[in-house]
Amino acid sequence: MAPLPAISKNKLSLVRNLYLNKKLCVREIAEHLKVSADAVTSFFRRHNIPKRSYSEAQQVEFNNRPLSFSKQKLNSHYLKELSLVGTMLYWAEGYKGKISNTTIDFANSDPLMIKLFLQFFRLIFKPDEKKIRIYLYCYANQNVKEFTNFWSKLTRVPKARFLKPYVRSDFREDGRKMKHGMVHVRYHDKKLLLEIKSMIELYVKKYMRRSYSGNYTTL
């Protein structure tokens, strides 16, 4: 098999545009020009095109990643209200731990609240249903199978997409327990998480009331 050709000098403007303006990676440029990745790297060296740092490359890769959701236009009163309610629910009950920078994680034990959040999530963002996961939290003296069936029916998420449940053994027989346990609704997509966080900021700014001094109240 003949080796792929090198890149001619008259392609300099094109290569610079693909890399610096359109933010294509080396592999994508190679595919576009039908040459090898090594040929692109060699071309960069010959023509002093600075390669991105690791962090810059990671950011470009993130920006070019296709969306797993399709945010809908808020073209009805119902959708506008649902967007506000769902966003504020996530601000209040969204997970703040170490996975919170990459994954939507909404946790509650109230079935109606879980159902309302999913109504918001599905109607406003049209997410990839296959990426929705449910994480059940309950106690060892509660019926995991029964709870899984309950939440699967309520969330319309197949049991195959439930993560391994967290079952606590340190409970008291007379202690207060959650009737159906608690669930986390999870969706791994940093871009969607950033979109929700941006919506939180916009709503906070919009509805922040002024204090008596005329300044905005602090949160």
N, C-alpha and C. Protein backbone atom coordinates (compact mmCIF):
# COMPACT_ATOMS: atom_id res chain seq x y z
N MET A 1 0.85 -1.20 0.00
CA MET A 1 0.00 0.00 0.00
C MET A 1 0.89 1.25 0.00
N ALA A 2 0.64 2.17 -0.93
CA ALA A 2 1.46 3.38 -1.06
C ALA A 2 1.24 4.30 0.12
N PRO A 3 2.31 4.98 0.60
CA PRO A 3 2.17 5.89 1.73
C PRO A 3 1.31 7.10 1.35
N LEU A 4 0.65 7.67 2.34
CA LEU A 4 -0.16 8.86 2.09
C LEU A 4 0.76 10.03 1.75
N PRO A 5 0.34 10.93 0.87
CA PRO A 5 1.20 12.02 0.43
C PRO A 5 1.46 13.06 1.52
N ALA A 6 2.54 13.84 1.30
CA ALA A 6 2.83 14.97 2.19
C ALA A 6 1.92 16.14 1.81
N ILE A 7 1.95 17.18 2.61
CA ILE A 7 1.10 18.35 2.35
C ILE A 7 1.94 19.41 1.64
N SER A 8 1.45 19.89 0.52
CA SER A 8 2.20 20.90 -0.24
C SER A 8 2.10 22.27 0.43
N LYS A 9 3.11 23.10 0.16
CA LYS A 9 3.20 24.41 0.80
C LYS A 9 2.00 25.29 0.48
N ASN A 10 1.40 25.11 -0.70
CA ASN A 10 0.27 25.97 -1.06
C ASN A 10 -0.99 25.71 -0.21
N LYS A 11 -0.90 24.70 0.66
CA LYS A 11 -2.02 24.40 1.57
C LYS A 11 -1.85 25.10 2.93
N LEU A 12 -0.82 25.94 3.06
CA LEU A 12 -0.52 26.56 4.35
C LEU A 12 -1.71 27.36 4.88
N SER A 13 -2.30 28.18 4.02
CA SER A 13 -3.42 29.01 4.46
C SER A 13 -4.61 28.14 4.90
N LEU A 14 -4.85 27.08 4.14
CA LEU A 14 -5.95 26.17 4.47
C LEU A 14 -5.71 25.48 5.80
N VAL A 15 -4.49 24.97 5.99
CA VAL A 15 -4.18 24.25 7.23
C VAL A 15 -4.30 25.17 8.43
N ARG A 16 -3.78 26.39 8.31
CA ARG A 16 -3.86 27.35 9.41
C ARG A 16 -5.32 27.66 9.74
N ASN A 17 -6.15 27.79 8.73
CA ASN A 17 -7.56 28.08 8.94
C ASN A 17 -8.27 26.91 9.64
N LEU A 18 -7.96 25.69 9.20
CA LEU A 18 -8.59 24.51 9.80
C LEU A 18 -8.18 24.35 11.27
N TYR A 19 -6.92 24.65 11.55
CA TYR A 19 -6.41 24.41 12.91
C TYR A 19 -6.68 25.58 13.85
N LEU A 20 -6.42 26.79 13.38
CA LEU A 20 -6.49 27.96 14.26
C LEU A 20 -7.88 28.58 14.33
N ASN A 21 -8.62 28.54 13.23
CA ASN A 21 -9.95 29.18 13.21
C ASN A 21 -11.09 28.18 13.42
N LYS A 22 -11.06 27.10 12.65
CA LYS A 22 -12.12 26.11 12.77
C LYS A 22 -11.90 25.12 13.92
N LYS A 23 -10.70 25.18 14.53
CA LYS A 23 -10.37 24.39 15.72
C LYS A 23 -10.43 22.88 15.48
N LEU A 24 -10.07 22.45 14.27
CA LEU A 24 -9.97 21.02 14.02
C LEU A 24 -8.71 20.47 14.68
N CYS A 25 -8.75 19.21 15.08
CA CYS A 25 -7.55 18.59 15.65
C CYS A 25 -6.70 18.02 14.51
N VAL A 26 -5.50 17.53 14.85
CA VAL A 26 -4.58 16.99 13.85
C VAL A 26 -5.22 15.86 13.07
N ARG A 27 -5.90 14.97 13.78
CA ARG A 27 -6.54 13.83 13.12
C ARG A 27 -7.59 14.30 12.12
N GLU A 28 -8.40 15.28 12.50
CA GLU A 28 -9.46 15.77 11.63
C GLU A 28 -8.88 16.47 10.40
N ILE A 29 -7.79 17.20 10.59
CA ILE A 29 -7.13 17.85 9.44
C ILE A 29 -6.57 16.79 8.49
N ALA A 30 -5.98 15.75 9.07
CA ALA A 30 -5.44 14.66 8.25
C ALA A 30 -6.54 14.01 7.42
N GLU A 31 -7.68 13.78 8.03
CA GLU A 31 -8.81 13.17 7.31
C GLU A 31 -9.32 14.12 6.22
N HIS A 32 -9.36 15.40 6.53
CA HIS A 32 -9.85 16.39 5.57
C HIS A 32 -8.94 16.46 4.34
N LEU A 33 -7.61 16.36 4.55
CA LEU A 33 -6.65 16.47 3.46
C LEU A 33 -6.24 15.12 2.87
N LYS A 34 -6.76 14.05 3.48
CA LYS A 34 -6.44 12.69 3.04
C LYS A 34 -4.93 12.42 3.11
N VAL A 35 -4.36 12.80 4.25
CA VAL A 35 -2.95 12.52 4.53
C VAL A 35 -2.87 11.88 5.91
N SER A 36 -1.67 11.51 6.33
CA SER A 36 -1.50 10.92 7.66
C SER A 36 -1.40 12.01 8.72
N ALA A 37 -1.65 11.64 9.98
CA ALA A 37 -1.50 12.58 11.09
C ALA A 37 -0.04 13.02 11.20
N ASP A 38 0.89 12.11 10.92
CA ASP A 38 2.32 12.46 10.97
C ASP A 38 2.65 13.54 9.93
N ALA A 39 1.99 13.47 8.78
CA ALA A 39 2.23 14.48 7.74
C ALA A 39 1.77 15.85 8.21
N VAL A 40 0.65 15.89 8.93
CA VAL A 40 0.15 17.16 9.46
C VAL A 40 1.11 17.70 10.51
N THR A 41 1.56 16.84 11.42
CA THR A 41 2.50 17.25 12.46
C THR A 41 3.79 17.78 11.86
N SER A 42 4.28 17.08 10.84
CA SER A 42 5.50 17.51 10.15
C SER A 42 5.31 18.86 9.48
N PHE A 43 4.13 19.08 8.89
CA PHE A 43 3.80 20.34 8.23
C PHE A 43 3.79 21.48 9.25
N PHE A 44 3.25 21.19 10.43
CA PHE A 44 3.24 22.20 11.50
C PHE A 44 4.67 22.63 11.84
N ARG A 45 5.56 21.66 11.98
CA ARG A 45 6.96 21.97 12.34
C ARG A 45 7.64 22.80 11.26
N ARG A 46 7.44 22.41 9.99
CA ARG A 46 8.11 23.10 8.89
C ARG A 46 7.66 24.55 8.75
N HIS A 47 6.40 24.81 9.11
CA HIS A 47 5.84 26.14 8.89
C HIS A 47 5.54 26.88 10.20
N ASN A 48 6.15 26.38 11.28
CA ASN A 48 6.08 27.07 12.59
C ASN A 48 4.65 27.35 13.04
N ILE A 49 3.81 26.38 12.88
CA ILE A 49 2.44 26.50 13.40
C ILE A 49 2.46 25.94 14.83
N PRO A 50 2.23 26.76 15.84
CA PRO A 50 2.33 26.28 17.24
C PRO A 50 1.20 25.31 17.58
N LYS A 51 1.58 24.17 18.14
CA LYS A 51 0.56 23.19 18.55
C LYS A 51 -0.07 23.63 19.86
N ARG A 52 -1.30 23.23 20.06
CA ARG A 52 -2.01 23.57 21.28
C ARG A 52 -1.41 22.87 22.48
N SER A 53 -1.53 23.50 23.63
CA SER A 53 -1.15 22.84 24.88
C SER A 53 -2.17 21.75 25.18
N TYR A 54 -1.85 20.93 26.14
CA TYR A 54 -2.78 19.84 26.50
C TYR A 54 -4.12 20.40 26.94
N SER A 55 -4.10 21.43 27.79
CA SER A 55 -5.36 22.00 28.28
C SER A 55 -6.16 22.64 27.14
N GLU A 56 -5.46 23.30 26.21
CA GLU A 56 -6.14 23.89 25.06
C GLU A 56 -6.76 22.81 24.18
N ALA A 57 -6.02 21.72 23.98
CA ALA A 57 -6.53 20.61 23.16
C ALA A 57 -7.76 19.98 23.81
N GLN A 58 -7.72 19.86 25.15
CA GLN A 58 -8.87 19.31 25.87
C GLN A 58 -10.09 20.21 25.71
N GLN A 59 -9.88 21.51 25.77
CA GLN A 59 -10.99 22.45 25.63
C GLN A 59 -11.58 22.40 24.22
N VAL A 60 -10.72 22.31 23.21
CA VAL A 60 -11.20 22.21 21.83
C VAL A 60 -11.99 20.92 21.63
N GLU A 61 -11.46 19.83 22.18
CA GLU A 61 -12.15 18.54 22.07
C GLU A 61 -13.53 18.61 22.73
N PHE A 62 -13.59 19.27 23.88
CA PHE A 62 -14.88 19.43 24.58
C PHE A 62 -15.85 20.27 23.75
N ASN A 63 -15.35 21.39 23.21
CA ASN A 63 -16.21 22.28 22.42
C ASN A 63 -16.74 21.59 21.16
N ASN A 64 -15.95 20.69 20.58
CA ASN A 64 -16.36 20.02 19.35
C ASN A 64 -17.21 18.78 19.58
N ARG A 65 -17.35 18.40 20.84
CA ARG A 65 -18.11 17.19 21.16
C ARG A 65 -19.59 17.41 20.81
N PRO A 66 -20.23 16.48 20.10
CA PRO A 66 -21.64 16.67 19.74
C PRO A 66 -22.54 16.66 20.97
N LEU A 67 -23.63 17.40 20.90
CA LEU A 67 -24.58 17.47 22.01
C LEU A 67 -25.39 16.18 22.12
N SER A 68 -25.72 15.81 23.34
CA SER A 68 -26.58 14.64 23.56
C SER A 68 -28.01 15.09 23.88
N PHE A 69 -28.27 16.38 23.68
CA PHE A 69 -29.59 16.93 24.00
C PHE A 69 -29.94 18.01 22.99
N SER A 70 -31.19 18.42 23.00
CA SER A 70 -31.64 19.47 22.10
C SER A 70 -32.56 20.40 22.88
N LYS A 71 -32.01 21.52 23.31
CA LYS A 71 -32.80 22.44 24.13
C LYS A 71 -33.94 23.03 23.31
N GLN A 72 -35.13 23.01 23.87
CA GLN A 72 -36.32 23.46 23.16
C GLN A 72 -36.59 24.95 23.38
N LYS A 73 -37.24 25.55 22.44
CA LYS A 73 -37.64 26.95 22.58
C LYS A 73 -38.78 27.04 23.59
N LEU A 74 -38.71 28.02 24.44
CA LEU A 74 -39.76 28.22 25.44
C LEU A 74 -40.88 29.05 24.81
N ASN A 75 -41.61 28.40 23.91
CA ASN A 75 -42.61 29.11 23.11
C ASN A 75 -44.03 28.96 23.63
N SER A 76 -44.17 28.61 24.90
CA SER A 76 -45.50 28.56 25.52
C SER A 76 -45.36 28.95 26.98
N HIS A 77 -46.46 29.39 27.56
CA HIS A 77 -46.44 29.78 28.97
C HIS A 77 -46.07 28.60 29.85
N TYR A 78 -46.57 27.42 29.50
CA TYR A 78 -46.28 26.22 30.29
C TYR A 78 -44.78 25.90 30.29
N LEU A 79 -44.16 25.94 29.12
CA LEU A 79 -42.74 25.63 29.04
C LEU A 79 -41.89 26.67 29.78
N LYS A 80 -42.30 27.93 29.73
CA LYS A 80 -41.57 28.97 30.45
C LYS A 80 -41.63 28.73 31.95
N GLU A 81 -42.82 28.39 32.44
CA GLU A 81 -42.97 28.11 33.88
C GLU A 81 -42.22 26.85 34.27
N LEU A 82 -42.32 25.82 33.43
CA LEU A 82 -41.65 24.55 33.71
C LEU A 82 -40.13 24.75 33.75
N SER A 83 -39.62 25.57 32.84
CA SER A 83 -38.19 25.85 32.81
C SER A 83 -37.73 26.51 34.11
N LEU A 84 -38.50 27.49 34.58
CA LEU A 84 -38.17 28.17 35.83
C LEU A 84 -38.23 27.22 37.02
N VAL A 85 -39.33 26.46 37.11
CA VAL A 85 -39.52 25.54 38.24
C VAL A 85 -38.42 24.47 38.26
N GLY A 86 -38.16 23.85 37.11
CA GLY A 86 -37.17 22.79 37.05
C GLY A 86 -35.77 23.27 37.35
N THR A 87 -35.45 24.47 36.86
CA THR A 87 -34.12 25.04 37.11
C THR A 87 -33.92 25.32 38.60
N MET A 88 -34.95 25.88 39.24
CA MET A 88 -34.85 26.17 40.67
C MET A 88 -34.82 24.88 41.49
N LEU A 89 -35.53 23.85 41.03
CA LEU A 89 -35.46 22.56 41.72
C LEU A 89 -34.03 22.03 41.69
N TYR A 90 -33.38 22.16 40.54
CA TYR A 90 -32.01 21.65 40.45
C TYR A 90 -31.07 22.49 41.31
N TRP A 91 -31.28 23.78 41.36
CA TRP A 91 -30.45 24.65 42.20
C TRP A 91 -30.55 24.22 43.67
N ALA A 92 -31.77 23.82 44.07
CA ALA A 92 -31.98 23.43 45.47
C ALA A 92 -31.52 22.00 45.76
N GLU A 93 -31.79 21.08 44.84
CA GLU A 93 -31.59 19.66 45.12
C GLU A 93 -30.51 19.00 44.26
N GLY A 94 -29.88 19.74 43.37
CA GLY A 94 -28.82 19.17 42.55
C GLY A 94 -27.60 18.84 43.40
N TYR A 95 -26.92 17.77 43.06
CA TYR A 95 -25.79 17.30 43.86
C TYR A 95 -24.62 18.27 43.77
N LYS A 96 -23.98 18.51 44.90
CA LYS A 96 -22.87 19.47 44.96
C LYS A 96 -21.52 18.79 45.21
N GLY A 97 -21.45 17.47 45.13
CA GLY A 97 -20.22 16.74 45.42
C GLY A 97 -19.24 16.72 44.27
N LYS A 98 -18.29 15.76 44.32
CA LYS A 98 -17.17 15.77 43.38
C LYS A 98 -17.58 15.46 41.93
N ILE A 99 -18.71 14.77 41.71
CA ILE A 99 -19.12 14.51 40.32
C ILE A 99 -19.94 15.65 39.75
N SER A 100 -20.17 16.69 40.58
CA SER A 100 -21.08 17.75 40.15
C SER A 100 -20.53 18.62 39.04
N ASN A 101 -19.25 18.47 38.68
CA ASN A 101 -18.69 19.27 37.59
C ASN A 101 -18.90 18.65 36.22
N THR A 102 -19.35 17.41 36.17
CA THR A 102 -19.51 16.73 34.88
C THR A 102 -20.88 16.07 34.70
N THR A 103 -21.63 15.89 35.77
CA THR A 103 -22.85 15.08 35.70
C THR A 103 -24.04 15.76 36.35
N ILE A 104 -25.17 15.78 35.66
CA ILE A 104 -26.42 16.21 36.28
C ILE A 104 -26.81 15.13 37.29
N ASP A 105 -27.08 15.52 38.52
CA ASP A 105 -27.42 14.57 39.57
C ASP A 105 -28.46 15.20 40.48
N PHE A 106 -29.72 14.81 40.30
CA PHE A 106 -30.83 15.35 41.08
C PHE A 106 -31.34 14.27 42.01
N ALA A 107 -31.32 14.55 43.33
CA ALA A 107 -31.68 13.53 44.31
C ALA A 107 -32.85 13.99 45.18
N ASN A 108 -33.79 13.06 45.41
CA ASN A 108 -34.89 13.33 46.33
C ASN A 108 -35.63 12.04 46.62
N SER A 109 -36.42 12.05 47.70
CA SER A 109 -37.22 10.88 48.05
C SER A 109 -38.70 11.09 47.74
N ASP A 110 -39.06 12.30 47.33
CA ASP A 110 -40.45 12.63 47.02
C ASP A 110 -40.76 12.25 45.57
N PRO A 111 -41.63 11.28 45.37
CA PRO A 111 -41.93 10.84 43.99
C PRO A 111 -42.42 11.97 43.09
N LEU A 112 -43.25 12.88 43.62
CA LEU A 112 -43.75 13.97 42.79
C LEU A 112 -42.64 14.92 42.37
N MET A 113 -41.69 15.14 43.26
CA MET A 113 -40.58 16.03 42.92
C MET A 113 -39.70 15.41 41.85
N ILE A 114 -39.44 14.12 41.97
CA ILE A 114 -38.66 13.41 40.94
C ILE A 114 -39.39 13.44 39.61
N LYS A 115 -40.69 13.23 39.66
CA LYS A 115 -41.49 13.21 38.43
C LYS A 115 -41.49 14.60 37.77
N LEU A 116 -41.61 15.65 38.58
CA LEU A 116 -41.62 17.01 38.05
C LEU A 116 -40.27 17.37 37.46
N PHE A 117 -39.18 16.98 38.14
CA PHE A 117 -37.86 17.28 37.59
C PHE A 117 -37.66 16.59 36.24
N LEU A 118 -38.08 15.34 36.14
CA LEU A 118 -37.94 14.62 34.87
C LEU A 118 -38.82 15.22 33.78
N GLN A 119 -39.99 15.74 34.17
CA GLN A 119 -40.85 16.42 33.19
C GLN A 119 -40.09 17.62 32.62
N PHE A 120 -39.49 18.41 33.48
CA PHE A 120 -38.66 19.55 33.06
C PHE A 120 -37.50 19.08 32.19
N PHE A 121 -36.78 18.08 32.67
CA PHE A 121 -35.57 17.62 31.99
C PHE A 121 -35.88 17.11 30.59
N ARG A 122 -36.94 16.34 30.48
CA ARG A 122 -37.27 15.74 29.18
C ARG A 122 -37.89 16.73 28.20
N LEU A 123 -38.78 17.59 28.68
CA LEU A 123 -39.46 18.50 27.77
C LEU A 123 -38.58 19.68 27.36
N ILE A 124 -37.76 20.16 28.26
CA ILE A 124 -36.93 21.34 27.95
C ILE A 124 -35.69 20.95 27.16
N PHE A 125 -35.11 19.78 27.44
CA PHE A 125 -33.82 19.44 26.84
C PHE A 125 -33.85 18.27 25.85
N LYS A 126 -34.92 17.52 25.79
CA LYS A 126 -34.98 16.35 24.89
C LYS A 126 -33.68 15.53 24.96
N PRO A 127 -33.33 15.04 26.14
CA PRO A 127 -32.05 14.32 26.29
C PRO A 127 -32.08 12.94 25.64
N ASP A 128 -30.92 12.34 25.52
CA ASP A 128 -30.80 10.97 25.05
C ASP A 128 -31.27 10.06 26.19
N GLU A 129 -32.42 9.43 26.02
CA GLU A 129 -33.01 8.62 27.09
C GLU A 129 -32.07 7.50 27.55
N LYS A 130 -31.25 7.00 26.66
CA LYS A 130 -30.36 5.90 27.00
C LYS A 130 -29.27 6.31 27.99
N LYS A 131 -29.07 7.62 28.14
CA LYS A 131 -28.03 8.10 29.05
C LYS A 131 -28.57 8.38 30.46
N ILE A 132 -29.88 8.35 30.64
CA ILE A 132 -30.46 8.60 31.96
C ILE A 132 -30.24 7.39 32.85
N ARG A 133 -29.72 7.63 34.05
CA ARG A 133 -29.47 6.57 35.02
C ARG A 133 -30.18 6.90 36.33
N ILE A 134 -30.58 5.85 37.05
CA ILE A 134 -31.21 6.00 38.36
C ILE A 134 -30.37 5.28 39.40
N TYR A 135 -30.08 5.98 40.48
CA TYR A 135 -29.26 5.42 41.57
C TYR A 135 -30.12 5.39 42.83
N LEU A 136 -30.46 4.21 43.31
CA LEU A 136 -31.33 4.03 44.47
C LEU A 136 -30.54 3.99 45.76
N TYR A 137 -31.08 4.65 46.77
CA TYR A 137 -30.48 4.70 48.12
C TYR A 137 -31.55 4.25 49.11
N CYS A 138 -31.27 3.23 49.91
CA CYS A 138 -32.25 2.76 50.89
C CYS A 138 -31.54 2.03 52.03
N TYR A 139 -32.33 1.43 52.92
CA TYR A 139 -31.78 0.71 54.07
C TYR A 139 -31.92 -0.80 53.89
N ALA A 140 -31.10 -1.52 54.63
CA ALA A 140 -31.02 -2.97 54.46
C ALA A 140 -32.33 -3.69 54.80
N ASN A 141 -33.16 -3.10 55.65
CA ASN A 141 -34.42 -3.75 56.00
C ASN A 141 -35.57 -3.30 55.11
N GLN A 142 -35.24 -2.67 53.99
CA GLN A 142 -36.25 -2.28 53.01
C GLN A 142 -36.11 -3.13 51.76
N ASN A 143 -37.16 -3.18 50.97
CA ASN A 143 -37.23 -4.08 49.82
C ASN A 143 -36.67 -3.39 48.56
N VAL A 144 -35.42 -3.72 48.23
CA VAL A 144 -34.75 -3.10 47.09
C VAL A 144 -35.49 -3.39 45.78
N LYS A 145 -35.91 -4.62 45.60
CA LYS A 145 -36.59 -5.00 44.36
C LYS A 145 -37.90 -4.24 44.21
N GLU A 146 -38.64 -4.12 45.29
CA GLU A 146 -39.91 -3.40 45.26
C GLU A 146 -39.68 -1.93 44.94
N PHE A 147 -38.67 -1.34 45.56
CA PHE A 147 -38.36 0.07 45.31
C PHE A 147 -37.91 0.29 43.87
N THR A 148 -37.10 -0.63 43.36
CA THR A 148 -36.63 -0.52 41.97
C THR A 148 -37.81 -0.54 41.01
N ASN A 149 -38.75 -1.45 41.25
CA ASN A 149 -39.95 -1.53 40.41
C ASN A 149 -40.75 -0.23 40.49
N PHE A 150 -40.88 0.29 41.70
CA PHE A 150 -41.65 1.53 41.91
C PHE A 150 -41.03 2.69 41.13
N TRP A 151 -39.73 2.89 41.31
CA TRP A 151 -39.08 4.04 40.67
C TRP A 151 -38.93 3.86 39.16
N SER A 152 -38.79 2.63 38.71
CA SER A 152 -38.70 2.39 37.27
C SER A 152 -40.01 2.77 36.58
N LYS A 153 -41.12 2.40 37.22
CA LYS A 153 -42.43 2.73 36.66
C LYS A 153 -42.67 4.24 36.70
N LEU A 154 -42.30 4.87 37.82
CA LEU A 154 -42.56 6.31 37.97
C LEU A 154 -41.68 7.14 37.03
N THR A 155 -40.41 6.78 36.89
CA THR A 155 -39.49 7.57 36.07
C THR A 155 -39.51 7.19 34.60
N ARG A 156 -40.10 6.05 34.29
CA ARG A 156 -40.08 5.50 32.93
C ARG A 156 -38.65 5.24 32.45
N VAL A 157 -37.81 4.82 33.40
CA VAL A 157 -36.44 4.41 33.10
C VAL A 157 -36.35 2.91 33.32
N PRO A 158 -35.97 2.13 32.30
CA PRO A 158 -35.89 0.67 32.46
C PRO A 158 -34.95 0.27 33.60
N LYS A 159 -35.27 -0.83 34.25
CA LYS A 159 -34.46 -1.30 35.38
C LYS A 159 -33.03 -1.61 34.96
N ALA A 160 -32.82 -1.91 33.70
CA ALA A 160 -31.47 -2.18 33.20
C ALA A 160 -30.59 -0.95 33.30
N ARG A 161 -31.19 0.24 33.40
CA ARG A 161 -30.42 1.48 33.50
C ARG A 161 -30.33 1.99 34.94
N PHE A 162 -30.68 1.14 35.89
CA PHE A 162 -30.49 1.47 37.29
C PHE A 162 -29.07 1.06 37.70
N LEU A 163 -28.39 1.95 38.39
CA LEU A 163 -27.07 1.62 38.91
C LEU A 163 -27.19 0.72 40.13
N LYS A 164 -26.09 0.10 40.52
CA LYS A 164 -26.11 -0.74 41.72
C LYS A 164 -26.54 0.11 42.91
N PRO A 165 -27.59 -0.29 43.64
CA PRO A 165 -28.11 0.54 44.74
C PRO A 165 -27.15 0.65 45.91
N TYR A 166 -27.29 1.73 46.63
CA TYR A 166 -26.55 1.90 47.88
C TYR A 166 -27.48 1.50 49.02
N VAL A 167 -27.14 0.45 49.74
CA VAL A 167 -27.99 -0.08 50.82
C VAL A 167 -27.27 0.11 52.15
N ARG A 168 -27.85 0.92 53.00
CA ARG A 168 -27.25 1.20 54.31
C ARG A 168 -27.68 0.15 55.34
N SER A 169 -26.74 -0.28 56.14
CA SER A 169 -27.05 -1.26 57.19
C SER A 169 -27.13 -0.62 58.57
N ASP A 170 -26.66 0.63 58.70
CA ASP A 170 -26.67 1.30 60.01
C ASP A 170 -27.99 2.04 60.22
N PHE A 171 -29.02 1.29 60.53
CA PHE A 171 -30.33 1.90 60.75
C PHE A 171 -30.87 1.47 62.10
N ARG A 172 -31.85 2.21 62.60
CA ARG A 172 -32.56 1.85 63.82
C ARG A 172 -33.96 1.39 63.45
N GLU A 173 -34.43 0.36 64.11
CA GLU A 173 -35.75 -0.20 63.79
C GLU A 173 -36.86 0.83 63.97
N ASP A 174 -36.68 1.73 64.94
CA ASP A 174 -37.71 2.74 65.19
C ASP A 174 -37.40 4.07 64.49
N GLY A 175 -36.36 4.03 63.67
CA GLY A 175 -35.95 5.27 63.00
C GLY A 175 -36.87 5.63 61.85
N ARG A 176 -36.83 6.90 61.47
CA ARG A 176 -37.65 7.39 60.35
C ARG A 176 -37.00 6.98 59.05
N LYS A 177 -37.77 6.38 58.17
CA LYS A 177 -37.22 5.93 56.88
C LYS A 177 -38.01 6.56 55.73
N MET A 178 -37.37 6.66 54.61
CA MET A 178 -38.04 7.14 53.42
C MET A 178 -38.92 6.03 52.86
N LYS A 179 -40.17 6.34 52.59
CA LYS A 179 -41.16 5.33 52.23
C LYS A 179 -40.74 4.49 51.03
N HIS A 180 -40.15 5.13 50.05
CA HIS A 180 -39.72 4.42 48.83
C HIS A 180 -38.21 4.53 48.63
N GLY A 181 -37.48 4.86 49.68
CA GLY A 181 -36.06 5.12 49.53
C GLY A 181 -35.85 6.47 48.87
N MET A 182 -34.65 6.74 48.47
CA MET A 182 -34.33 7.98 47.76
C MET A 182 -33.63 7.61 46.45
N VAL A 183 -33.84 8.42 45.40
CA VAL A 183 -33.16 8.15 44.14
C VAL A 183 -32.41 9.38 43.64
N HIS A 184 -31.33 9.11 42.92
CA HIS A 184 -30.61 10.13 42.18
C HIS A 184 -30.94 9.93 40.70
N VAL A 185 -31.36 10.99 40.04
CA VAL A 185 -31.50 10.97 38.58
C VAL A 185 -30.19 11.51 38.02
N ARG A 186 -29.47 10.70 37.25
CA ARG A 186 -28.15 11.10 36.76
C ARG A 186 -28.08 11.12 35.24
N TYR A 187 -27.31 12.07 34.74
CA TYR A 187 -27.12 12.20 33.29
C TYR A 187 -25.74 12.79 33.06
N HIS A 188 -24.86 12.00 32.46
CA HIS A 188 -23.47 12.45 32.30
C HIS A 188 -23.31 13.25 31.01
N ASP A 189 -23.28 14.56 31.15
CA ASP A 189 -23.04 15.45 30.02
C ASP A 189 -22.69 16.82 30.58
N LYS A 190 -21.41 17.16 30.53
CA LYS A 190 -20.96 18.42 31.12
C LYS A 190 -21.58 19.63 30.44
N LYS A 191 -21.79 19.53 29.12
CA LYS A 191 -22.37 20.66 28.40
C LYS A 191 -23.80 20.94 28.88
N LEU A 192 -24.56 19.89 29.13
CA LEU A 192 -25.93 20.08 29.63
C LEU A 192 -25.91 20.62 31.06
N LEU A 193 -24.98 20.13 31.86
CA LEU A 193 -24.85 20.64 33.23
C LEU A 193 -24.52 22.14 33.20
N LEU A 194 -23.61 22.55 32.34
CA LEU A 194 -23.25 23.96 32.23
C LEU A 194 -24.44 24.79 31.76
N GLU A 195 -25.27 24.21 30.89
CA GLU A 195 -26.47 24.90 30.42
C GLU A 195 -27.43 25.15 31.58
N ILE A 196 -27.63 24.15 32.43
CA ILE A 196 -28.52 24.30 33.58
C ILE A 196 -27.95 25.33 34.56
N LYS A 197 -26.65 25.28 34.79
CA LYS A 197 -26.03 26.26 35.69
C LYS A 197 -26.16 27.68 35.14
N SER A 198 -26.05 27.82 33.83
CA SER A 198 -26.22 29.12 33.21
C SER A 198 -27.65 29.62 33.38
N MET A 199 -28.62 28.70 33.28
CA MET A 199 -30.03 29.07 33.47
C MET A 199 -30.28 29.50 34.92
N ILE A 200 -29.63 28.82 35.87
CA ILE A 200 -29.76 29.21 37.27
C ILE A 200 -29.30 30.65 37.45
N GLU A 201 -28.13 30.98 36.90
CA GLU A 201 -27.58 32.33 37.03
C GLU A 201 -28.51 33.37 36.41
N LEU A 202 -29.08 33.04 35.24
CA LEU A 202 -29.96 33.99 34.57
C LEU A 202 -31.23 34.24 35.38
N TYR A 203 -31.81 33.18 35.92
CA TYR A 203 -33.03 33.34 36.71
C TYR A 203 -32.76 34.08 38.01
N VAL A 204 -31.63 33.80 38.64
CA VAL A 204 -31.28 34.49 39.88
C VAL A 204 -31.16 35.99 39.63
N LYS A 205 -30.46 36.34 38.56
CA LYS A 205 -30.30 37.77 38.24
C LYS A 205 -31.65 38.42 37.92
N LYS A 206 -32.50 37.68 37.22
CA LYS A 206 -33.79 38.23 36.81
C LYS A 206 -34.71 38.47 37.99
N TYR A 207 -34.71 37.54 38.94
CA TYR A 207 -35.68 37.61 40.03
C TYR A 207 -35.10 38.09 41.35
N MET A 208 -33.84 38.48 41.35
CA MET A 208 -33.25 39.02 42.57
C MET A 208 -33.96 40.31 42.95
N ARG A 209 -34.43 40.37 44.17
CA ARG A 209 -35.13 41.57 44.61
C ARG A 209 -34.15 42.55 45.24
N ARG A 210 -34.46 43.81 45.09
CA ARG A 210 -33.59 44.84 45.67
C ARG A 210 -33.88 44.97 47.16
N SER A 211 -32.83 45.20 47.91
CA SER A 211 -32.99 45.44 49.35
C SER A 211 -33.47 46.86 49.57
N TYR A 212 -33.76 47.19 50.80
CA TYR A 212 -34.24 48.53 51.10
C TYR A 212 -33.22 49.61 50.75
N SER A 213 -31.93 49.22 50.74
CA SER A 213 -30.89 50.20 50.43
C SER A 213 -30.78 50.49 48.94
N GLY A 214 -31.51 49.71 48.15
CA GLY A 214 -31.44 49.90 46.71
C GLY A 214 -30.44 49.00 46.04
N ASN A 215 -29.65 48.26 46.82
CA ASN A 215 -28.69 47.31 46.26
C ASN A 215 -29.30 45.93 46.19
N TYR A 216 -28.74 45.09 45.31
CA TYR A 216 -29.23 43.72 45.23
C TYR A 216 -28.85 42.97 46.49
N THR A 217 -29.76 42.16 46.97
CA THR A 217 -29.49 41.34 48.15
C THR A 217 -28.49 40.27 47.80
N THR A 218 -27.68 39.87 48.76
CA THR A 218 -26.70 38.82 48.53
C THR A 218 -27.32 37.47 48.79
N LEU A 219 -26.77 36.44 48.13
CA LEU A 219 -27.29 35.09 48.30
C LEU A 219 -26.49 34.35 49.34
